[in-house]
PDB file of all heavy atoms in Angstrom:
ATOM      1  N   MET A   1     163.346  23.394 163.663  1.00  0.00           N
ATOM      2  CA  MET A   1     164.723  23.716 163.285  1.00  0.00           C
ATOM      3  C   MET A   1     165.348  24.655 164.244  1.00  0.00           C
ATOM      4  O   MET A   1     166.580  24.563 164.567  1.00  0.00           O
ATOM      5  CB  MET A   1     164.743  24.316 161.891  1.00  0.00           C
ATOM      6  CG  MET A   1     164.810  23.309 160.795  1.00  0.00           C
ATOM      7  SD  MET A   1     166.338  22.325 160.839  1.00  0.00           S
ATOM      8  CE  MET A   1     166.195  21.326 159.369  1.00  0.00           C
ATOM      9  N   ASP A   2     164.615  25.557 164.788  1.00  0.00           N
ATOM     10  CA  ASP A   2     165.121  26.488 165.833  1.00  0.00           C
ATOM     11  C   ASP A   2     165.625  25.644 167.045  1.00  0.00           C
ATOM     12  O   ASP A   2     166.676  25.945 167.630  1.00  0.00           O
ATOM     13  CB  ASP A   2     164.052  27.443 166.297  1.00  0.00           C
ATOM     14  CG  ASP A   2     164.036  28.712 165.419  1.00  0.00           C
ATOM     15  OD1 ASP A   2     165.131  29.175 165.016  1.00  0.00           O
ATOM     16  OD2 ASP A   2     162.977  29.267 165.203  1.00  0.00           O
ATOM     17  N   ILE A   3     164.857  24.646 167.415  1.00  0.00           N
ATOM     18  CA  ILE A   3     165.170  23.844 168.560  1.00  0.00           C
ATOM     19  C   ILE A   3     166.451  23.021 168.268  1.00  0.00           C
ATOM     20  O   ILE A   3     167.353  22.886 169.098  1.00  0.00           O
ATOM     21  CB  ILE A   3     164.030  22.922 168.942  1.00  0.00           C
ATOM     22  CG1 ILE A   3     162.855  23.755 169.455  1.00  0.00           C
ATOM     23  CG2 ILE A   3     164.433  21.884 169.990  1.00  0.00           C
ATOM     24  CD1 ILE A   3     161.577  22.920 169.610  1.00  0.00           C
ATOM     25  N   ILE A   4     166.523  22.480 167.019  1.00  0.00           N
ATOM     26  CA  ILE A   4     167.668  21.687 166.678  1.00  0.00           C
ATOM     27  C   ILE A   4     168.949  22.521 166.600  1.00  0.00           C
ATOM     28  O   ILE A   4     170.019  22.065 167.079  1.00  0.00           O
ATOM     29  CB  ILE A   4     167.410  20.963 165.330  1.00  0.00           C
ATOM     30  CG1 ILE A   4     166.277  19.962 165.426  1.00  0.00           C
ATOM     31  CG2 ILE A   4     168.697  20.348 164.720  1.00  0.00           C
ATOM     32  CD1 ILE A   4     165.715  19.454 164.131  1.00  0.00           C
ATOM     33  N   LYS A   5     168.827  23.742 166.069  1.00  0.00           N
ATOM     34  CA  LYS A   5     170.005  24.630 165.974  1.00  0.00           C
ATOM     35  C   LYS A   5     170.442  25.033 167.387  1.00  0.00           C
ATOM     36  O   LYS A   5     171.629  25.098 167.674  1.00  0.00           O
ATOM     37  CB  LYS A   5     169.592  25.877 165.187  1.00  0.00           C
ATOM     38  CG  LYS A   5     170.701  26.966 165.192  1.00  0.00           C
ATOM     39  CD  LYS A   5     170.202  28.169 164.403  1.00  0.00           C
ATOM     40  CE  LYS A   5     171.226  29.349 164.556  1.00  0.00           C
ATOM     41  NZ  LYS A   5     171.254  29.842 165.947  1.00  0.00           N
ATOM     42  N   GLU A   6     169.495  25.319 168.293  1.00  0.00           N
ATOM     43  CA  GLU A   6     169.780  25.678 169.620  1.00  0.00           C
ATOM     44  C   GLU A   6     170.480  24.494 170.403  1.00  0.00           C
ATOM     45  O   GLU A   6     171.356  24.716 171.266  1.00  0.00           O
ATOM     46  CB  GLU A   6     168.502  26.041 170.380  1.00  0.00           C
ATOM     47  CG  GLU A   6     168.693  26.396 171.830  1.00  0.00           C
ATOM     48  CD  GLU A   6     167.334  26.556 172.561  1.00  0.00           C
ATOM     49  OE1 GLU A   6     166.259  26.607 171.845  1.00  0.00           O
ATOM     50  OE2 GLU A   6     167.297  26.579 173.802  1.00  0.00           O
ATOM     51  N   ASN A   7     170.110  23.307 169.995  1.00  0.00           N
ATOM     52  CA  ASN A   7     170.707  22.047 170.521  1.00  0.00           C
ATOM     53  C   ASN A   7     170.575  21.994 172.007  1.00  0.00           C
ATOM     54  O   ASN A   7     171.489  21.520 172.765  1.00  0.00           O
ATOM     55  CB  ASN A   7     172.191  21.923 170.139  1.00  0.00           C
ATOM     56  CG  ASN A   7     172.679  20.503 170.225  1.00  0.00           C
ATOM     57  OD1 ASN A   7     171.905  19.564 170.159  1.00  0.00           O
ATOM     58  ND2 ASN A   7     173.971  20.330 170.376  1.00  0.00           N
ATOM     59  N   ASN A   8     169.438  22.344 172.564  1.00  0.00           N
ATOM     60  CA  ASN A   8     169.155  22.293 173.960  1.00  0.00           C
ATOM     61  C   ASN A   8     168.992  20.764 174.296  1.00  0.00           C
ATOM     62  O   ASN A   8     168.109  20.112 173.749  1.00  0.00           O
ATOM     63  CB  ASN A   8     167.867  22.996 174.314  1.00  0.00           C
ATOM     64  CG  ASN A   8     167.543  22.919 175.779  1.00  0.00           C
ATOM     65  OD1 ASN A   8     167.268  21.870 176.335  1.00  0.00           O
ATOM     66  ND2 ASN A   8     167.398  24.096 176.441  1.00  0.00           N
ATOM     67  N   PRO A   9     169.893  20.277 175.205  1.00  0.00           N
ATOM     68  CA  PRO A   9     169.869  18.801 175.455  1.00  0.00           C
ATOM     69  C   PRO A   9     168.566  18.273 175.998  1.00  0.00           C
ATOM     70  O   PRO A   9     168.136  17.184 175.667  1.00  0.00           O
ATOM     71  CB  PRO A   9     171.041  18.575 176.417  1.00  0.00           C
ATOM     72  CG  PRO A   9     171.304  19.941 177.023  1.00  0.00           C
ATOM     73  CD  PRO A   9     170.924  20.944 175.931  1.00  0.00           C
ATOM     74  N   HIS A  10     167.890  19.068 176.823  1.00  0.00           N
ATOM     75  CA  HIS A  10     166.617  18.615 177.409  1.00  0.00           C
ATOM     76  C   HIS A  10     165.508  18.506 176.358  1.00  0.00           C
ATOM     77  O   HIS A  10     164.836  17.497 176.261  1.00  0.00           O
ATOM     78  CB  HIS A  10     166.232  19.614 178.512  1.00  0.00           C
ATOM     79  CG  HIS A  10     167.131  19.716 179.685  1.00  0.00           C
ATOM     80  ND1 HIS A  10     167.356  18.636 180.459  1.00  0.00           N
ATOM     81  CD2 HIS A  10     167.905  20.693 180.135  1.00  0.00           C
ATOM     82  CE1 HIS A  10     168.235  18.968 181.428  1.00  0.00           C
ATOM     83  NE2 HIS A  10     168.595  20.270 181.210  1.00  0.00           N
ATOM     84  N   LYS A  11     165.425  19.495 175.486  1.00  0.00           N
ATOM     85  CA  LYS A  11     164.359  19.473 174.462  1.00  0.00           C
ATOM     86  C   LYS A  11     164.670  18.390 173.452  1.00  0.00           C
ATOM     87  O   LYS A  11     163.793  17.651 172.940  1.00  0.00           O
ATOM     88  CB  LYS A  11     164.255  20.836 173.753  1.00  0.00           C
ATOM     89  CG  LYS A  11     163.621  21.896 174.635  1.00  0.00           C
ATOM     90  CD  LYS A  11     163.481  23.220 173.921  1.00  0.00           C
ATOM     91  CE  LYS A  11     162.781  24.272 174.784  1.00  0.00           C
ATOM     92  NZ  LYS A  11     162.668  25.602 174.095  1.00  0.00           N
ATOM     93  N   MET A  12     166.000  18.235 173.089  1.00  0.00           N
ATOM     94  CA  MET A  12     166.354  17.189 172.107  1.00  0.00           C
ATOM     95  C   MET A  12     166.008  15.806 172.626  1.00  0.00           C
ATOM     96  O   MET A  12     165.514  14.918 171.960  1.00  0.00           O
ATOM     97  CB  MET A  12     167.794  17.305 171.731  1.00  0.00           C
ATOM     98  CG  MET A  12     168.126  18.574 170.931  1.00  0.00           C
ATOM     99  SD  MET A  12     167.343  18.641 169.307  1.00  0.00           S
ATOM    100  CE  MET A  12     168.317  17.429 168.414  1.00  0.00           C
ATOM    101  N   GLU A  13     166.320  15.623 173.962  1.00  0.00           N
ATOM    102  CA  GLU A  13     166.079  14.287 174.510  1.00  0.00           C
ATOM    103  C   GLU A  13     164.529  14.039 174.566  1.00  0.00           C
ATOM    104  O   GLU A  13     164.062  12.895 174.354  1.00  0.00           O
ATOM    105  CB  GLU A  13     166.617  14.231 175.939  1.00  0.00           C
ATOM    106  CG  GLU A  13     168.148  14.070 175.959  1.00  0.00           C
ATOM    107  CD  GLU A  13     168.725  14.083 177.350  1.00  0.00           C
ATOM    108  OE1 GLU A  13     167.933  14.304 178.321  1.00  0.00           O
ATOM    109  OE2 GLU A  13     169.964  13.881 177.527  1.00  0.00           O
ATOM    110  N   ILE A  14     163.752  15.033 174.849  1.00  0.00           N
ATOM    111  CA  ILE A  14     162.326  14.900 174.826  1.00  0.00           C
ATOM    112  C   ILE A  14     161.778  14.513 173.479  1.00  0.00           C
ATOM    113  O   ILE A  14     160.970  13.622 173.312  1.00  0.00           O
ATOM    114  CB  ILE A  14     161.631  16.201 175.388  1.00  0.00           C
ATOM    115  CG1 ILE A  14     161.909  16.388 176.877  1.00  0.00           C
ATOM    116  CG2 ILE A  14     160.170  16.148 175.094  1.00  0.00           C
ATOM    117  CD1 ILE A  14     161.536  17.781 177.400  1.00  0.00           C
ATOM    118  N   LEU A  15     162.304  15.247 172.461  1.00  0.00           N
ATOM    119  CA  LEU A  15     161.836  14.932 171.084  1.00  0.00           C
ATOM    120  C   LEU A  15     162.208  13.525 170.682  1.00  0.00           C
ATOM    121  O   LEU A  15     161.430  12.826 170.057  1.00  0.00           O
ATOM    122  CB  LEU A  15     162.448  15.957 170.129  1.00  0.00           C
ATOM    123  CG  LEU A  15     161.809  17.372 170.217  1.00  0.00           C
ATOM    124  CD1 LEU A  15     162.655  18.412 169.457  1.00  0.00           C
ATOM    125  CD2 LEU A  15     160.393  17.359 169.610  1.00  0.00           C
ATOM    126  N   TRP A  16     163.449  13.084 171.025  1.00  0.00           N
ATOM    127  CA  TRP A  16     163.829  11.732 170.731  1.00  0.00           C
ATOM    128  C   TRP A  16     162.981  10.711 171.438  1.00  0.00           C
ATOM    129  O   TRP A  16     162.657   9.625 170.955  1.00  0.00           O
ATOM    130  CB  TRP A  16     165.336  11.506 171.050  1.00  0.00           C
ATOM    131  CG  TRP A  16     166.227  11.925 169.970  1.00  0.00           C
ATOM    132  CD1 TRP A  16     167.191  12.977 170.063  1.00  0.00           C
ATOM    133  CD2 TRP A  16     166.322  11.474 168.653  1.00  0.00           C
ATOM    134  NE1 TRP A  16     167.872  13.089 168.869  1.00  0.00           N
ATOM    135  CE2 TRP A  16     167.391  12.180 167.979  1.00  0.00           C
ATOM    136  CE3 TRP A  16     165.722  10.397 167.943  1.00  0.00           C
ATOM    137  CZ2 TRP A  16     167.712  11.890 166.672  1.00  0.00           C
ATOM    138  CZ3 TRP A  16     166.058  10.205 166.627  1.00  0.00           C
ATOM    139  CH2 TRP A  16     167.065  10.926 166.003  1.00  0.00           C
ATOM    140  N   SER A  17     162.562  11.053 172.698  1.00  0.00           N
ATOM    141  CA  SER A  17     161.632  10.114 173.432  1.00  0.00           C
ATOM    142  C   SER A  17     160.304   9.994 172.702  1.00  0.00           C
ATOM    143  O   SER A  17     159.667   8.932 172.762  1.00  0.00           O
ATOM    144  CB  SER A  17     161.495  10.546 174.861  1.00  0.00           C
ATOM    145  OG  SER A  17     160.602  11.668 175.012  1.00  0.00           O
ATOM    146  N   TRP A  18     159.877  11.100 172.117  1.00  0.00           N
ATOM    147  CA  TRP A  18     158.596  11.035 171.373  1.00  0.00           C
ATOM    148  C   TRP A  18     158.725  10.129 170.107  1.00  0.00           C
ATOM    149  O   TRP A  18     157.848   9.420 169.821  1.00  0.00           O
ATOM    150  CB  TRP A  18     158.240  12.414 170.913  1.00  0.00           C
ATOM    151  CG  TRP A  18     157.854  13.341 172.041  1.00  0.00           C
ATOM    152  CD1 TRP A  18     157.861  13.098 173.390  1.00  0.00           C
ATOM    153  CD2 TRP A  18     157.503  14.727 171.934  1.00  0.00           C
ATOM    154  NE1 TRP A  18     157.508  14.191 174.103  1.00  0.00           N
ATOM    155  CE2 TRP A  18     157.297  15.227 173.238  1.00  0.00           C
ATOM    156  CE3 TRP A  18     157.324  15.578 170.877  1.00  0.00           C
ATOM    157  CZ2 TRP A  18     156.880  16.567 173.512  1.00  0.00           C
ATOM    158  CZ3 TRP A  18     156.953  16.881 171.110  1.00  0.00           C
ATOM    159  CH2 TRP A  18     156.771  17.374 172.431  1.00  0.00           C
ATOM    160  N   VAL A  19     159.855  10.203 169.460  1.00  0.00           N
ATOM    161  CA  VAL A  19     160.069   9.320 168.278  1.00  0.00           C
ATOM    162  C   VAL A  19     160.066   7.907 168.740  1.00  0.00           C
ATOM    163  O   VAL A  19     159.519   7.052 168.017  1.00  0.00           O
ATOM    164  CB  VAL A  19     161.428   9.712 167.581  1.00  0.00           C
ATOM    165  CG1 VAL A  19     161.754   8.634 166.531  1.00  0.00           C
ATOM    166  CG2 VAL A  19     161.374  11.087 166.976  1.00  0.00           C
ATOM    167  N   ARG A  20     160.607   7.599 169.907  1.00  0.00           N
ATOM    168  CA  ARG A  20     160.674   6.250 170.423  1.00  0.00           C
ATOM    169  C   ARG A  20     159.374   5.822 171.143  1.00  0.00           C
ATOM    170  O   ARG A  20     159.214   4.664 171.502  1.00  0.00           O
ATOM    171  CB  ARG A  20     161.830   6.096 171.374  1.00  0.00           C
ATOM    172  CG  ARG A  20     163.199   6.236 170.681  1.00  0.00           C
ATOM    173  CD  ARG A  20     164.340   6.170 171.738  1.00  0.00           C
ATOM    174  NE  ARG A  20     165.642   6.025 171.130  1.00  0.00           N
ATOM    175  CZ  ARG A  20     166.402   7.019 170.715  1.00  0.00           C
ATOM    176  NH1 ARG A  20     165.883   8.318 170.784  1.00  0.00           N
ATOM    177  NH2 ARG A  20     167.577   6.846 170.086  1.00  0.00           N
ATOM    178  N   ARG A  21     158.485   6.807 171.328  1.00  0.00           N
ATOM    179  CA  ARG A  21     157.167   6.558 172.022  1.00  0.00           C
ATOM    180  C   ARG A  21     157.392   5.973 173.443  1.00  0.00           C
ATOM    181  O   ARG A  21     156.621   5.191 173.943  1.00  0.00           O
ATOM    182  CB  ARG A  21     156.317   5.581 171.225  1.00  0.00           C
ATOM    183  CG  ARG A  21     156.008   6.006 169.769  1.00  0.00           C
ATOM    184  CD  ARG A  21     155.186   7.288 169.782  1.00  0.00           C
ATOM    185  NE  ARG A  21     154.650   7.551 168.458  1.00  0.00           N
ATOM    186  CZ  ARG A  21     155.259   8.331 167.572  1.00  0.00           C
ATOM    187  NH1 ARG A  21     156.407   8.823 167.806  1.00  0.00           N
ATOM    188  NH2 ARG A  21     154.684   8.558 166.385  1.00  0.00           N
ATOM    189  N   ARG A  22     158.436   6.520 174.105  1.00  0.00           N
ATOM    190  CA  ARG A  22     158.657   6.042 175.482  1.00  0.00           C
ATOM    191  C   ARG A  22     159.155   7.193 176.301  1.00  0.00           C
ATOM    192  O   ARG A  22     159.833   8.117 175.837  1.00  0.00           O
ATOM    193  CB  ARG A  22     159.840   4.968 175.413  1.00  0.00           C
ATOM    194  CG  ARG A  22     159.359   3.617 174.930  1.00  0.00           C
ATOM    195  CD  ARG A  22     160.506   2.683 174.640  1.00  0.00           C
ATOM    196  NE  ARG A  22     161.755   2.931 175.229  1.00  0.00           N
ATOM    197  CZ  ARG A  22     162.850   2.321 174.820  1.00  0.00           C
ATOM    198  NH1 ARG A  22     162.845   1.471 173.839  1.00  0.00           N
ATOM    199  NH2 ARG A  22     164.026   2.605 175.408  1.00  0.00           N
ATOM    200  N   PRO A  23     158.781   7.175 177.591  1.00  0.00           N
ATOM    201  CA  PRO A  23     159.169   8.288 178.523  1.00  0.00           C
ATOM    202  C   PRO A  23     160.708   8.336 178.575  1.00  0.00           C
ATOM    203  O   PRO A  23     161.428   7.386 178.310  1.00  0.00           O
ATOM    204  CB  PRO A  23     158.564   7.897 179.864  1.00  0.00           C
ATOM    205  CG  PRO A  23     157.432   6.975 179.502  1.00  0.00           C
ATOM    206  CD  PRO A  23     157.873   6.251 178.274  1.00  0.00           C
ATOM    207  N   LEU A  24     161.163   9.555 178.973  1.00  0.00           N
ATOM    208  CA  LEU A  24     162.631   9.791 179.048  1.00  0.00           C
ATOM    209  C   LEU A  24     163.324   8.702 179.923  1.00  0.00           C
ATOM    210  O   LEU A  24     164.397   8.244 179.583  1.00  0.00           O
ATOM    211  CB  LEU A  24     162.902  11.131 179.625  1.00  0.00           C
ATOM    212  CG  LEU A  24     162.783  12.357 178.674  1.00  0.00           C
ATOM    213  CD1 LEU A  24     162.838  13.634 179.449  1.00  0.00           C
ATOM    214  CD2 LEU A  24     163.894  12.288 177.650  1.00  0.00           C
ATOM    215  N   GLU A  25     162.692   8.404 181.060  1.00  0.00           N
ATOM    216  CA  GLU A  25     163.365   7.513 181.976  1.00  0.00           C
ATOM    217  C   GLU A  25     163.455   6.073 181.469  1.00  0.00           C
ATOM    218  O   GLU A  25     164.181   5.235 181.997  1.00  0.00           O
ATOM    219  CB  GLU A  25     162.677   7.476 183.373  1.00  0.00           C
ATOM    220  CG  GLU A  25     161.226   7.069 183.323  1.00  0.00           C
ATOM    221  CD  GLU A  25     160.283   8.216 183.144  1.00  0.00           C
ATOM    222  OE1 GLU A  25     160.716   9.299 182.638  1.00  0.00           O
ATOM    223  OE2 GLU A  25     159.066   8.098 183.495  1.00  0.00           O
ATOM    224  N   ASP A  26     162.647   5.767 180.386  1.00  0.00           N
ATOM    225  CA  ASP A  26     162.615   4.390 179.873  1.00  0.00           C
ATOM    226  C   ASP A  26     163.575   4.216 178.651  1.00  0.00           C
ATOM    227  O   ASP A  26     163.626   3.067 178.105  1.00  0.00           O
ATOM    228  CB  ASP A  26     161.240   3.985 179.447  1.00  0.00           C
ATOM    229  CG  ASP A  26     160.298   3.820 180.633  1.00  0.00           C
ATOM    230  OD1 ASP A  26     160.776   3.767 181.775  1.00  0.00           O
ATOM    231  OD2 ASP A  26     159.094   3.719 180.447  1.00  0.00           O
ATOM    232  N   CYS A  27     164.284   5.235 178.244  1.00  0.00           N
ATOM    233  CA  CYS A  27     165.098   5.060 177.055  1.00  0.00           C
ATOM    234  C   CYS A  27     166.400   5.928 177.161  1.00  0.00           C
ATOM    235  O   CYS A  27     166.401   6.949 177.907  1.00  0.00           O
ATOM    236  CB  CYS A  27     164.374   5.456 175.759  1.00  0.00           C
ATOM    237  SG  CYS A  27     163.813   7.152 175.720  1.00  0.00           S
ATOM    238  N   GLN A  28     167.402   5.452 176.515  1.00  0.00           N
ATOM    239  CA  GLN A  28     168.662   6.223 176.483  1.00  0.00           C
ATOM    240  C   GLN A  28     168.496   7.060 175.189  1.00  0.00           C
ATOM    241  O   GLN A  28     168.565   6.535 174.081  1.00  0.00           O
ATOM    242  CB  GLN A  28     169.861   5.273 176.404  1.00  0.00           C
ATOM    243  CG  GLN A  28     170.073   4.532 177.663  1.00  0.00           C
ATOM    244  CD  GLN A  28     170.515   5.410 178.810  1.00  0.00           C
ATOM    245  OE1 GLN A  28     171.165   6.453 178.618  1.00  0.00           O
ATOM    246  NE2 GLN A  28     170.026   5.073 180.017  1.00  0.00           N
ATOM    247  N   CYS A  29     168.297   8.381 175.330  1.00  0.00           N
ATOM    248  CA  CYS A  29     168.078   9.199 174.186  1.00  0.00           C
ATOM    249  C   CYS A  29     169.363   9.920 173.809  1.00  0.00           C
ATOM    250  O   CYS A  29     170.142  10.331 174.611  1.00  0.00           O
ATOM    251  CB  CYS A  29     167.004  10.245 174.480  1.00  0.00           C
ATOM    252  SG  CYS A  29     165.415   9.479 174.931  1.00  0.00           S
ATOM    253  N   GLY A  30     169.491  10.120 172.501  1.00  0.00           N
ATOM    254  CA  GLY A  30     170.653  10.813 171.983  1.00  0.00           C
ATOM    255  C   GLY A  30     170.313  11.595 170.788  1.00  0.00           C
ATOM    256  O   GLY A  30     169.212  11.515 170.261  1.00  0.00           O
ATOM    257  N   GLN A  31     171.182  12.415 170.292  1.00  0.00           N
ATOM    258  CA  GLN A  31     170.947  13.236 169.137  1.00  0.00           C
ATOM    259  C   GLN A  31     171.218  12.492 167.863  1.00  0.00           C
ATOM    260  O   GLN A  31     172.094  11.617 167.891  1.00  0.00           O
ATOM    261  CB  GLN A  31     171.737  14.545 169.219  1.00  0.00           C
ATOM    262  CG  GLN A  31     171.340  15.327 170.500  1.00  0.00           C
ATOM    263  CD  GLN A  31     172.165  16.538 170.717  1.00  0.00           C
ATOM    264  OE1 GLN A  31     172.802  16.994 169.791  1.00  0.00           O
ATOM    265  NE2 GLN A  31     172.302  17.008 171.914  1.00  0.00           N
TER     266      GLN A  31
END
């Protein structure tokens, strides 16, 4: 929740890439 509140774009994109099980460069990640 601290990360989500901070809304750091790099960390949020990394977390979304984990949900998608794909590296950052292989997916268009968003919040």
